[in-house]
Amino acid sequence: MSVGSLPKCCGFIMILRASAIPSSVVKIGLFRTSNDASVLYCFLFNAQSIANKLCELRYLLYDAHYDCIFVTESWLSSCISDGFLDPRCKYTIMRHDRQNGRGGGVCVLINKSHLVAQVTISDSYPDLEIVVFDLLNVVPVVRVFAVYRPPYYDKKC
């Protein structure tokens, strides 16, 4: 599925982080599920290496009980497995690790109580680090974009 082919009756949320914006917490959304109204509790932060903040991450995962955690500047690579991030396997993990050099990257952790489908996007903007997914157990279906724009990226984009 491409970004241009949103499911019928689909809303969307875009989480954008540029390096110039300081780290912050964001809670988003009131969504209507098929059964009742519910709040989707989300947390966004700029980690500048999540691997050295595992205690904080595990607090967010297992004690704070967020539905979605968005991490920019995750600094992850293929050397770090998803099981290292979530050893209890309670979250669906979607990542866009930076391929060249150190730093960057986007990581999204979604509680497995939510039905999600990762969306593949075109390579039109290879310097942007993007994770896109559809949240399927809400009405209407919601498409979520987590985007990190590296500091060297063209500011006109």
N, C-alpha and C. Protein backbone atom coordinates (compact mmCIF):
# COMPACT_ATOMS: atom_id res chain seq x y z
N MET A 1 0.84 -1.17 0.00
CA MET A 1 0.00 0.00 0.00
C MET A 1 0.89 1.24 0.00
N SER A 2 0.57 2.22 -0.76
CA SER A 2 1.37 3.44 -0.80
C SER A 2 0.69 4.52 0.02
N VAL A 3 1.42 5.57 0.33
CA VAL A 3 0.86 6.67 1.11
C VAL A 3 -0.33 7.27 0.39
N GLY A 4 -0.30 7.30 -0.93
CA GLY A 4 -1.38 7.89 -1.71
C GLY A 4 -2.66 7.09 -1.68
N SER A 5 -2.63 5.84 -1.26
CA SER A 5 -3.84 5.02 -1.28
C SER A 5 -4.33 4.76 0.14
N LEU A 6 -4.85 5.81 0.77
CA LEU A 6 -5.38 5.68 2.11
C LEU A 6 -6.63 4.81 2.10
N PRO A 7 -6.84 4.02 3.13
CA PRO A 7 -8.07 3.25 3.22
C PRO A 7 -9.28 4.18 3.24
N LYS A 8 -10.41 3.69 2.83
CA LYS A 8 -11.63 4.48 2.82
C LYS A 8 -11.93 4.97 4.24
N CYS A 9 -12.35 6.22 4.36
CA CYS A 9 -12.69 6.83 5.65
C CYS A 9 -11.51 6.82 6.60
N CYS A 10 -10.37 7.19 6.13
CA CYS A 10 -9.16 7.14 6.95
C CYS A 10 -8.77 8.53 7.43
N GLY A 11 -8.50 8.66 8.70
CA GLY A 11 -7.90 9.87 9.23
C GLY A 11 -6.41 9.69 9.25
N PHE A 12 -5.65 10.71 9.62
CA PHE A 12 -4.22 10.52 9.75
C PHE A 12 -3.64 11.45 10.79
N ILE A 13 -2.52 11.03 11.33
CA ILE A 13 -1.76 11.80 12.30
C ILE A 13 -0.33 11.81 11.80
N MET A 14 0.31 12.95 11.84
CA MET A 14 1.73 13.01 11.47
C MET A 14 2.51 13.48 12.68
N ILE A 15 3.50 12.69 13.05
CA ILE A 15 4.42 13.04 14.12
C ILE A 15 5.72 13.43 13.43
N LEU A 16 6.09 14.69 13.49
CA LEU A 16 7.28 15.18 12.78
C LEU A 16 8.25 15.73 13.80
N ARG A 17 9.48 15.36 13.66
CA ARG A 17 10.51 15.87 14.56
C ARG A 17 11.69 16.31 13.71
N ALA A 18 12.02 17.57 13.80
CA ALA A 18 13.24 18.09 13.20
C ALA A 18 14.26 18.23 14.32
N SER A 19 15.50 18.14 13.99
CA SER A 19 16.52 18.15 15.03
C SER A 19 16.54 19.45 15.83
N ALA A 20 16.03 20.53 15.29
CA ALA A 20 16.05 21.81 15.99
C ALA A 20 15.01 21.88 17.11
N ILE A 21 14.04 20.97 17.10
CA ILE A 21 12.99 20.99 18.11
C ILE A 21 13.48 20.22 19.33
N PRO A 22 13.40 20.81 20.53
CA PRO A 22 13.88 20.09 21.70
C PRO A 22 13.00 18.88 22.01
N SER A 23 13.54 17.94 22.76
CA SER A 23 12.78 16.76 23.15
C SER A 23 11.56 17.18 23.94
N SER A 24 10.45 16.48 23.71
CA SER A 24 9.22 16.80 24.41
C SER A 24 8.31 15.59 24.44
N VAL A 25 7.29 15.70 25.26
CA VAL A 25 6.29 14.64 25.37
C VAL A 25 5.04 15.11 24.64
N VAL A 26 4.43 14.22 23.88
CA VAL A 26 3.20 14.54 23.16
C VAL A 26 2.20 13.44 23.41
N LYS A 27 1.01 13.81 23.83
CA LYS A 27 -0.08 12.85 23.90
C LYS A 27 -1.05 13.21 22.79
N ILE A 28 -1.49 12.22 22.05
CA ILE A 28 -2.37 12.50 20.92
C ILE A 28 -3.63 11.67 21.01
N GLY A 29 -4.66 12.25 20.50
CA GLY A 29 -5.81 11.54 20.03
C GLY A 29 -6.90 11.09 20.97
N LEU A 30 -8.09 11.32 20.55
CA LEU A 30 -9.27 10.67 21.08
C LEU A 30 -9.90 9.97 19.89
N PHE A 31 -10.00 8.68 19.95
CA PHE A 31 -10.49 7.90 18.83
C PHE A 31 -11.69 7.08 19.26
N ARG A 32 -12.57 6.82 18.35
CA ARG A 32 -13.70 5.96 18.61
C ARG A 32 -13.37 4.57 18.09
N THR A 33 -13.32 3.61 18.99
CA THR A 33 -13.10 2.23 18.58
C THR A 33 -14.44 1.66 18.15
N SER A 34 -14.45 0.44 17.69
CA SER A 34 -15.70 -0.18 17.28
C SER A 34 -16.65 -0.39 18.46
N ASN A 35 -16.11 -0.39 19.69
CA ASN A 35 -16.95 -0.64 20.87
C ASN A 35 -17.31 0.64 21.64
N ASP A 36 -16.35 1.50 21.86
CA ASP A 36 -16.61 2.68 22.67
C ASP A 36 -15.55 3.74 22.43
N ALA A 37 -15.74 4.89 23.08
CA ALA A 37 -14.75 5.96 22.95
C ALA A 37 -13.55 5.61 23.83
N SER A 38 -12.36 5.85 23.33
CA SER A 38 -11.17 5.59 24.13
C SER A 38 -10.08 6.56 23.74
N VAL A 39 -9.16 6.73 24.64
CA VAL A 39 -8.02 7.61 24.40
C VAL A 39 -6.83 6.75 24.02
N LEU A 40 -6.09 7.20 23.04
CA LEU A 40 -4.84 6.53 22.65
C LEU A 40 -3.71 7.32 23.30
N TYR A 41 -3.04 6.71 24.26
CA TYR A 41 -1.97 7.38 24.98
C TYR A 41 -0.64 7.15 24.27
N CYS A 42 -0.02 8.26 23.87
CA CYS A 42 1.22 8.18 23.09
C CYS A 42 2.30 9.03 23.76
N PHE A 43 3.53 8.64 23.50
CA PHE A 43 4.67 9.34 24.06
C PHE A 43 5.69 9.51 22.94
N LEU A 44 6.21 10.72 22.78
CA LEU A 44 7.20 11.03 21.75
C LEU A 44 8.42 11.62 22.41
N PHE A 45 9.60 11.08 22.05
CA PHE A 45 10.81 11.70 22.55
C PHE A 45 11.98 11.50 21.60
N ASN A 46 12.91 12.42 21.69
CA ASN A 46 14.13 12.38 20.90
C ASN A 46 15.19 11.75 21.79
N ALA A 47 15.58 10.51 21.49
CA ALA A 47 16.42 9.73 22.40
C ALA A 47 17.90 10.05 22.31
N GLN A 48 18.39 10.33 21.13
CA GLN A 48 19.84 10.44 20.91
C GLN A 48 20.52 9.21 21.49
N SER A 49 20.04 8.06 21.08
CA SER A 49 20.48 6.71 21.41
C SER A 49 19.56 6.07 22.45
N ILE A 50 18.67 5.25 21.97
CA ILE A 50 17.75 4.53 22.87
C ILE A 50 18.47 3.39 23.59
N ALA A 51 19.55 2.88 22.99
CA ALA A 51 20.25 1.74 23.58
C ALA A 51 20.85 2.08 24.94
N ASN A 52 21.19 3.35 25.17
CA ASN A 52 21.73 3.71 26.48
C ASN A 52 20.66 4.29 27.41
N LYS A 53 19.38 4.12 27.03
CA LYS A 53 18.26 4.57 27.85
C LYS A 53 17.24 3.45 28.03
N LEU A 54 17.74 2.23 28.16
CA LEU A 54 16.84 1.07 28.25
C LEU A 54 16.00 1.07 29.53
N CYS A 55 16.54 1.54 30.62
CA CYS A 55 15.74 1.61 31.86
C CYS A 55 14.54 2.53 31.67
N GLU A 56 14.78 3.69 31.06
CA GLU A 56 13.69 4.64 30.81
C GLU A 56 12.69 4.06 29.82
N LEU A 57 13.18 3.40 28.76
CA LEU A 57 12.29 2.80 27.77
C LEU A 57 11.42 1.72 28.42
N ARG A 58 12.01 0.88 29.21
CA ARG A 58 11.25 -0.21 29.83
C ARG A 58 10.25 0.32 30.85
N TYR A 59 10.56 1.43 31.49
CA TYR A 59 9.56 2.07 32.35
C TYR A 59 8.36 2.49 31.51
N LEU A 60 8.62 3.13 30.37
CA LEU A 60 7.53 3.56 29.49
C LEU A 60 6.72 2.38 28.98
N LEU A 61 7.40 1.29 28.64
CA LEU A 61 6.73 0.12 28.09
C LEU A 61 5.90 -0.62 29.14
N TYR A 62 6.48 -0.88 30.30
CA TYR A 62 5.87 -1.82 31.24
C TYR A 62 5.23 -1.18 32.47
N ASP A 63 5.56 0.07 32.77
CA ASP A 63 4.99 0.72 33.95
C ASP A 63 4.05 1.87 33.60
N ALA A 64 4.40 2.65 32.58
CA ALA A 64 3.58 3.79 32.20
C ALA A 64 2.42 3.37 31.28
N HIS A 65 2.54 2.24 30.65
CA HIS A 65 1.46 1.65 29.84
C HIS A 65 0.97 2.54 28.70
N TYR A 66 1.88 3.08 27.92
CA TYR A 66 1.49 3.85 26.74
C TYR A 66 1.05 2.90 25.63
N ASP A 67 0.14 3.40 24.79
CA ASP A 67 -0.30 2.63 23.62
C ASP A 67 0.75 2.67 22.52
N CYS A 68 1.34 3.85 22.30
CA CYS A 68 2.36 4.03 21.25
C CYS A 68 3.49 4.87 21.82
N ILE A 69 4.70 4.47 21.50
CA ILE A 69 5.88 5.25 21.87
C ILE A 69 6.64 5.54 20.58
N PHE A 70 6.86 6.82 20.32
CA PHE A 70 7.56 7.28 19.12
C PHE A 70 8.94 7.77 19.54
N VAL A 71 9.98 7.22 18.94
CA VAL A 71 11.34 7.59 19.28
C VAL A 71 12.03 8.13 18.03
N THR A 72 12.50 9.36 18.10
CA THR A 72 13.32 9.90 17.02
C THR A 72 14.77 9.88 17.49
N GLU A 73 15.68 9.91 16.54
CA GLU A 73 17.11 9.76 16.82
C GLU A 73 17.34 8.54 17.71
N SER A 74 16.79 7.40 17.26
CA SER A 74 16.93 6.16 18.02
C SER A 74 18.36 5.64 18.00
N TRP A 75 19.10 5.96 16.97
CA TRP A 75 20.49 5.55 16.79
C TRP A 75 20.62 4.02 16.76
N LEU A 76 19.59 3.33 16.30
CA LEU A 76 19.64 1.87 16.23
C LEU A 76 20.28 1.41 14.93
N SER A 77 20.74 0.18 14.93
CA SER A 77 21.29 -0.46 13.73
C SER A 77 20.83 -1.90 13.73
N SER A 78 21.17 -2.62 12.69
CA SER A 78 20.79 -4.03 12.60
C SER A 78 21.46 -4.87 13.69
N CYS A 79 22.45 -4.34 14.36
CA CYS A 79 23.13 -5.07 15.45
C CYS A 79 22.27 -5.14 16.71
N ILE A 80 21.23 -4.30 16.80
CA ILE A 80 20.37 -4.27 17.98
C ILE A 80 19.01 -4.85 17.59
N SER A 81 18.64 -5.95 18.23
CA SER A 81 17.39 -6.63 17.87
C SER A 81 16.19 -5.99 18.56
N ASP A 82 15.00 -6.27 18.03
CA ASP A 82 13.77 -5.80 18.65
C ASP A 82 13.60 -6.40 20.04
N GLY A 83 14.02 -7.65 20.21
CA GLY A 83 13.92 -8.31 21.51
C GLY A 83 14.75 -7.63 22.59
N PHE A 84 15.81 -6.96 22.20
CA PHE A 84 16.63 -6.19 23.13
C PHE A 84 15.84 -4.99 23.66
N LEU A 85 15.01 -4.40 22.79
CA LEU A 85 14.22 -3.23 23.18
C LEU A 85 13.01 -3.63 24.02
N ASP A 86 12.35 -4.71 23.64
CA ASP A 86 11.12 -5.16 24.30
C ASP A 86 11.23 -6.65 24.63
N PRO A 87 11.95 -7.00 25.69
CA PRO A 87 12.18 -8.41 26.00
C PRO A 87 10.90 -9.18 26.37
N ARG A 88 9.85 -8.49 26.77
CA ARG A 88 8.59 -9.17 27.11
C ARG A 88 7.68 -9.35 25.89
N CYS A 89 8.08 -8.82 24.75
CA CYS A 89 7.33 -8.96 23.47
C CYS A 89 5.88 -8.47 23.59
N LYS A 90 5.68 -7.34 24.24
CA LYS A 90 4.34 -6.78 24.40
C LYS A 90 4.03 -5.70 23.36
N TYR A 91 5.01 -5.35 22.53
CA TYR A 91 4.84 -4.26 21.57
C TYR A 91 5.22 -4.72 20.17
N THR A 92 4.50 -4.20 19.19
CA THR A 92 4.90 -4.33 17.80
C THR A 92 5.92 -3.22 17.56
N ILE A 93 7.07 -3.57 17.01
CA ILE A 93 8.13 -2.59 16.82
C ILE A 93 8.34 -2.36 15.33
N MET A 94 8.32 -1.10 14.93
CA MET A 94 8.59 -0.69 13.55
C MET A 94 9.73 0.30 13.59
N ARG A 95 10.72 0.08 12.74
CA ARG A 95 11.93 0.90 12.77
C ARG A 95 12.33 1.34 11.37
N HIS A 96 12.97 2.49 11.34
CA HIS A 96 13.70 2.95 10.16
C HIS A 96 15.07 3.38 10.67
N ASP A 97 16.02 2.45 10.63
CA ASP A 97 17.37 2.74 11.11
C ASP A 97 18.14 3.48 10.03
N ARG A 98 18.97 4.41 10.44
CA ARG A 98 19.83 5.11 9.48
C ARG A 98 20.84 4.12 8.92
N GLN A 99 20.97 4.12 7.60
CA GLN A 99 21.84 3.16 6.93
C GLN A 99 23.29 3.63 6.85
N ASN A 100 23.48 4.94 6.73
CA ASN A 100 24.83 5.48 6.55
C ASN A 100 25.20 6.36 7.73
N GLY A 101 26.22 5.97 8.43
CA GLY A 101 26.71 6.81 9.52
C GLY A 101 25.99 6.55 10.83
N ARG A 102 26.35 7.34 11.80
CA ARG A 102 25.84 7.22 13.16
C ARG A 102 24.66 8.16 13.36
N GLY A 103 23.79 7.80 14.31
CA GLY A 103 22.70 8.69 14.69
C GLY A 103 21.43 8.44 13.91
N GLY A 104 20.50 9.38 14.05
CA GLY A 104 19.24 9.34 13.32
C GLY A 104 18.39 8.14 13.66
N GLY A 105 17.43 7.90 12.80
CA GLY A 105 16.55 6.76 12.94
C GLY A 105 15.25 7.07 13.65
N VAL A 106 14.24 6.29 13.32
CA VAL A 106 12.92 6.39 13.94
C VAL A 106 12.53 5.00 14.41
N CYS A 107 11.96 4.91 15.59
CA CYS A 107 11.48 3.65 16.13
C CYS A 107 10.10 3.90 16.73
N VAL A 108 9.14 3.05 16.38
CA VAL A 108 7.79 3.16 16.93
C VAL A 108 7.45 1.84 17.61
N LEU A 109 6.96 1.92 18.82
CA LEU A 109 6.55 0.74 19.57
C LEU A 109 5.05 0.87 19.83
N ILE A 110 4.25 -0.09 19.36
CA ILE A 110 2.80 -0.06 19.47
C ILE A 110 2.35 -1.25 20.29
N ASN A 111 1.58 -0.98 21.35
CA ASN A 111 1.09 -2.06 22.19
C ASN A 111 0.34 -3.08 21.35
N LYS A 112 0.60 -4.36 21.60
CA LYS A 112 0.01 -5.42 20.78
C LYS A 112 -1.50 -5.57 20.97
N SER A 113 -2.08 -4.79 21.87
CA SER A 113 -3.54 -4.77 21.98
C SER A 113 -4.17 -4.04 20.80
N HIS A 114 -3.35 -3.36 20.01
CA HIS A 114 -3.83 -2.63 18.83
C HIS A 114 -3.46 -3.40 17.57
N LEU A 115 -4.38 -3.44 16.65
CA LEU A 115 -4.16 -4.08 15.36
C LEU A 115 -3.56 -3.04 14.42
N VAL A 116 -2.36 -3.30 13.91
CA VAL A 116 -1.68 -2.35 13.04
C VAL A 116 -1.16 -3.04 11.79
N ALA A 117 -0.97 -2.25 10.75
CA ALA A 117 -0.35 -2.74 9.52
C ALA A 117 0.66 -1.70 9.07
N GLN A 118 1.91 -2.13 8.92
CA GLN A 118 2.93 -1.21 8.44
C GLN A 118 2.68 -0.88 6.98
N VAL A 119 2.91 0.38 6.62
CA VAL A 119 2.68 0.86 5.26
C VAL A 119 4.03 1.12 4.62
N THR A 120 4.23 0.56 3.43
CA THR A 120 5.46 0.79 2.68
C THR A 120 5.28 2.05 1.85
N ILE A 121 6.27 2.93 1.91
CA ILE A 121 6.20 4.16 1.14
C ILE A 121 7.31 4.17 0.10
N SER A 122 7.15 5.03 -0.89
CA SER A 122 8.15 5.10 -1.96
C SER A 122 9.45 5.70 -1.45
N ASP A 123 10.49 5.57 -2.23
CA ASP A 123 11.80 6.11 -1.88
C ASP A 123 11.99 7.53 -2.43
N SER A 124 10.90 8.29 -2.56
CA SER A 124 10.99 9.64 -3.11
C SER A 124 11.82 10.58 -2.24
N TYR A 125 11.85 10.32 -0.95
CA TYR A 125 12.57 11.17 0.00
C TYR A 125 13.52 10.30 0.81
N PRO A 126 14.61 9.83 0.22
CA PRO A 126 15.47 8.87 0.90
C PRO A 126 16.18 9.42 2.14
N ASP A 127 16.30 10.74 2.27
CA ASP A 127 16.97 11.31 3.43
C ASP A 127 16.06 11.45 4.64
N LEU A 128 14.74 11.37 4.42
CA LEU A 128 13.82 11.40 5.55
C LEU A 128 13.75 10.02 6.17
N GLU A 129 13.67 9.97 7.47
CA GLU A 129 13.53 8.70 8.17
C GLU A 129 12.07 8.61 8.62
N ILE A 130 11.33 7.67 8.05
CA ILE A 130 9.88 7.62 8.19
C ILE A 130 9.42 6.21 8.55
N VAL A 131 8.48 6.13 9.48
CA VAL A 131 7.73 4.91 9.77
C VAL A 131 6.26 5.27 9.61
N VAL A 132 5.54 4.48 8.82
CA VAL A 132 4.11 4.72 8.58
C VAL A 132 3.36 3.44 8.89
N PHE A 133 2.24 3.59 9.60
CA PHE A 133 1.40 2.42 9.86
C PHE A 133 -0.06 2.84 9.96
N ASP A 134 -0.95 1.88 9.71
CA ASP A 134 -2.38 2.07 9.88
C ASP A 134 -2.79 1.45 11.20
N LEU A 135 -3.55 2.21 11.96
CA LEU A 135 -4.14 1.71 13.19
C LEU A 135 -5.52 1.20 12.80
N LEU A 136 -5.70 -0.11 12.82
CA LEU A 136 -6.87 -0.74 12.21
C LEU A 136 -8.04 -0.96 13.16
N ASN A 137 -7.82 -0.92 14.46
CA ASN A 137 -8.93 -1.20 15.37
C ASN A 137 -9.59 0.07 15.90
N VAL A 138 -9.59 1.12 15.09
CA VAL A 138 -10.34 2.34 15.39
C VAL A 138 -11.20 2.65 14.18
N VAL A 139 -12.26 3.41 14.42
CA VAL A 139 -13.17 3.79 13.34
C VAL A 139 -13.19 5.30 13.29
N PRO A 140 -12.78 5.94 12.18
CA PRO A 140 -12.23 5.29 10.99
C PRO A 140 -10.78 4.85 11.22
N VAL A 141 -10.27 4.05 10.29
CA VAL A 141 -8.87 3.64 10.33
C VAL A 141 -8.00 4.91 10.33
N VAL A 142 -6.94 4.88 11.12
CA VAL A 142 -6.06 6.06 11.22
C VAL A 142 -4.68 5.68 10.70
N ARG A 143 -4.13 6.51 9.82
CA ARG A 143 -2.76 6.34 9.33
C ARG A 143 -1.85 7.27 10.12
N VAL A 144 -0.78 6.71 10.66
CA VAL A 144 0.15 7.46 11.51
C VAL A 144 1.50 7.52 10.81
N PHE A 145 2.08 8.72 10.75
CA PHE A 145 3.40 8.95 10.18
C PHE A 145 4.32 9.42 11.29
N ALA A 146 5.43 8.74 11.49
CA ALA A 146 6.48 9.20 12.39
C ALA A 146 7.67 9.56 11.50
N VAL A 147 8.07 10.83 11.52
CA VAL A 147 9.07 11.33 10.58
C VAL A 147 10.17 12.05 11.35
N TYR A 148 11.41 11.75 11.00
CA TYR A 148 12.56 12.51 11.50
C TYR A 148 13.26 13.12 10.30
N ARG A 149 13.45 14.44 10.34
CA ARG A 149 14.17 15.13 9.28
C ARG A 149 15.56 15.45 9.80
N PRO A 150 16.59 14.78 9.24
CA PRO A 150 17.96 15.05 9.69
C PRO A 150 18.32 16.52 9.48
N PRO A 151 19.23 17.06 10.29
CA PRO A 151 19.57 18.48 10.20
C PRO A 151 20.17 18.89 8.87
N TYR A 152 20.78 17.97 8.14
CA TYR A 152 21.39 18.32 6.86
C TYR A 152 20.39 18.29 5.71
N TYR A 153 19.16 17.86 5.97
CA TYR A 153 18.15 17.75 4.91
C TYR A 153 17.74 19.14 4.43
N ASP A 154 17.39 19.25 3.17
CA ASP A 154 16.99 20.51 2.56
C ASP A 154 15.83 21.13 3.34
N LYS A 155 16.01 22.34 3.83
CA LYS A 155 15.01 23.01 4.64
C LYS A 155 13.77 23.41 3.84
N LYS A 156 13.84 23.38 2.53
CA LYS A 156 12.70 23.76 1.70
C LYS A 156 11.69 22.63 1.53
N CYS A 157 12.06 21.41 1.98
CA CYS A 157 11.16 20.27 1.74
C CYS A 157 9.88 20.37 2.51
